[in-house]
Amino acid sequence: MSQKSGTRFTEKQGHYLAFIYTYAHMFGRPPAETDMQRHFRVSPPSVHQMIVTLERNGFIRRQPGVPRSIEILLPPENLPILEWLGIKTSKSL
């Protein structure tokens, strides 16, 4: 679990948050649930439940009825981007 700045999310939630952030940064818009389904190789209900959970926990915000409206409410430094990408930092950096 992340504990930076009081933010608490599971490892799986962190992976979803990292994916959403990275996708939005790369493509200039948030991912659709189908993009997450393909990436994580899970069912549509699994992705939707995760999005609902992230929203309920205050990690993201969506606009009802607006596709691709996910907005991450956490600062990027609180997201496990490097961990999600499999990059291990060393103290010499």
Protein backbone atom coordinates (compact mmCIF):
# COMPACT_ATOMS: atom_id res chain seq x y z
CA MET A 1 0.00 0.00 0.00
CA SER A 2 1.14 3.51 -0.67
CA GLN A 3 1.36 5.67 2.40
CA LYS A 4 2.76 8.88 0.92
CA SER A 5 0.80 11.94 1.99
CA GLY A 6 -1.81 9.72 3.68
CA THR A 7 -2.81 8.17 0.35
CA ARG A 8 -3.72 4.51 0.71
CA PHE A 9 -4.45 2.20 -2.17
CA THR A 10 -3.82 -1.45 -2.90
CA GLU A 11 -1.15 -2.61 -5.30
CA LYS A 12 -3.79 -3.41 -7.94
CA GLN A 13 -5.43 0.00 -7.49
CA GLY A 14 -2.00 1.57 -7.87
CA HIS A 15 -1.49 -0.28 -11.15
CA TYR A 16 -4.80 1.04 -12.48
CA LEU A 17 -3.99 4.58 -11.35
CA ALA A 18 -0.55 4.36 -12.95
CA PHE A 19 -2.09 3.06 -16.19
CA ILE A 20 -4.70 5.83 -16.28
CA TYR A 21 -2.07 8.49 -15.63
CA THR A 22 0.40 7.11 -18.18
CA TYR A 23 -2.26 6.57 -20.86
CA ALA A 24 -3.61 10.11 -20.42
CA HIS A 25 -0.10 11.53 -20.54
CA MET A 26 0.78 9.60 -23.71
CA PHE A 27 -2.46 10.05 -25.65
CA GLY A 28 -3.78 13.35 -24.30
CA ARG A 29 -7.02 11.82 -23.03
CA PRO A 30 -7.96 9.28 -20.35
CA PRO A 31 -8.42 5.64 -21.29
CA ALA A 32 -11.80 4.07 -21.94
CA GLU A 33 -12.78 1.11 -19.82
CA THR A 34 -12.18 -1.11 -22.88
CA ASP A 35 -8.56 0.11 -23.01
CA MET A 36 -8.09 -0.98 -19.40
CA GLN A 37 -9.86 -4.28 -20.09
CA ARG A 38 -7.42 -5.03 -22.91
CA HIS A 39 -4.36 -3.95 -20.95
CA PHE A 40 -5.12 -5.84 -17.74
CA ARG A 41 -6.80 -8.76 -19.56
CA VAL A 42 -9.87 -8.72 -17.34
CA SER A 43 -13.61 -8.69 -17.91
CA PRO A 44 -15.64 -5.51 -18.45
CA PRO A 45 -17.34 -5.87 -15.03
CA SER A 46 -13.92 -6.18 -13.33
CA VAL A 47 -12.71 -2.93 -14.88
CA HIS A 48 -15.94 -1.13 -14.10
CA GLN A 49 -15.88 -2.29 -10.48
CA MET A 50 -12.29 -1.05 -10.12
CA ILE A 51 -13.25 2.36 -11.56
CA VAL A 52 -16.20 2.59 -9.17
CA THR A 53 -13.92 1.65 -6.26
CA LEU A 54 -11.26 4.21 -7.22
CA GLU A 55 -13.95 6.88 -7.47
CA ARG A 56 -15.58 5.89 -4.19
CA ASN A 57 -12.18 6.07 -2.45
CA GLY A 58 -11.57 9.57 -3.83
CA PHE A 59 -8.65 8.67 -6.12
CA ILE A 60 -10.42 9.63 -9.36
CA ARG A 61 -13.39 11.68 -10.52
CA ARG A 62 -15.66 11.05 -13.51
CA GLN A 63 -18.42 13.00 -15.20
CA PRO A 64 -21.56 10.85 -15.47
CA GLY A 65 -22.46 10.05 -19.06
CA VAL A 66 -19.23 11.51 -20.47
CA PRO A 67 -16.88 8.93 -21.97
CA ARG A 68 -13.17 9.15 -21.15
CA SER A 69 -13.78 11.65 -18.35
CA ILE A 70 -11.57 10.03 -15.68
CA GLU A 71 -9.51 12.56 -13.78
CA ILE A 72 -6.90 11.43 -11.25
CA LEU A 73 -7.15 13.38 -8.01
CA LEU A 74 -3.77 12.34 -6.60
CA PRO A 75 -0.47 14.13 -7.27
CA PRO A 76 1.66 12.19 -9.80
CA GLU A 77 4.42 11.72 -7.21
CA ASN A 78 2.00 9.60 -5.16
CA LEU A 79 1.44 7.16 -8.02
CA PRO A 80 3.58 4.04 -8.36
CA ILE A 81 4.53 4.83 -11.97
CA LEU A 82 8.09 3.50 -11.81
CA GLU A 83 7.01 0.40 -9.89
CA TRP A 84 4.22 -0.26 -12.39
CA LEU A 85 6.63 0.06 -15.31
CA GLY A 86 9.05 -2.31 -13.59
CA ILE A 87 11.80 0.32 -13.23
CA LYS A 88 13.89 0.02 -10.11
CA THR A 89 15.61 3.19 -9.02
CA SER A 90 18.98 3.12 -7.33
CA LYS A 91 20.26 5.49 -4.70
CA SER A 92 22.95 6.72 -7.13
CA LEU A 93 20.38 8.45 -9.35
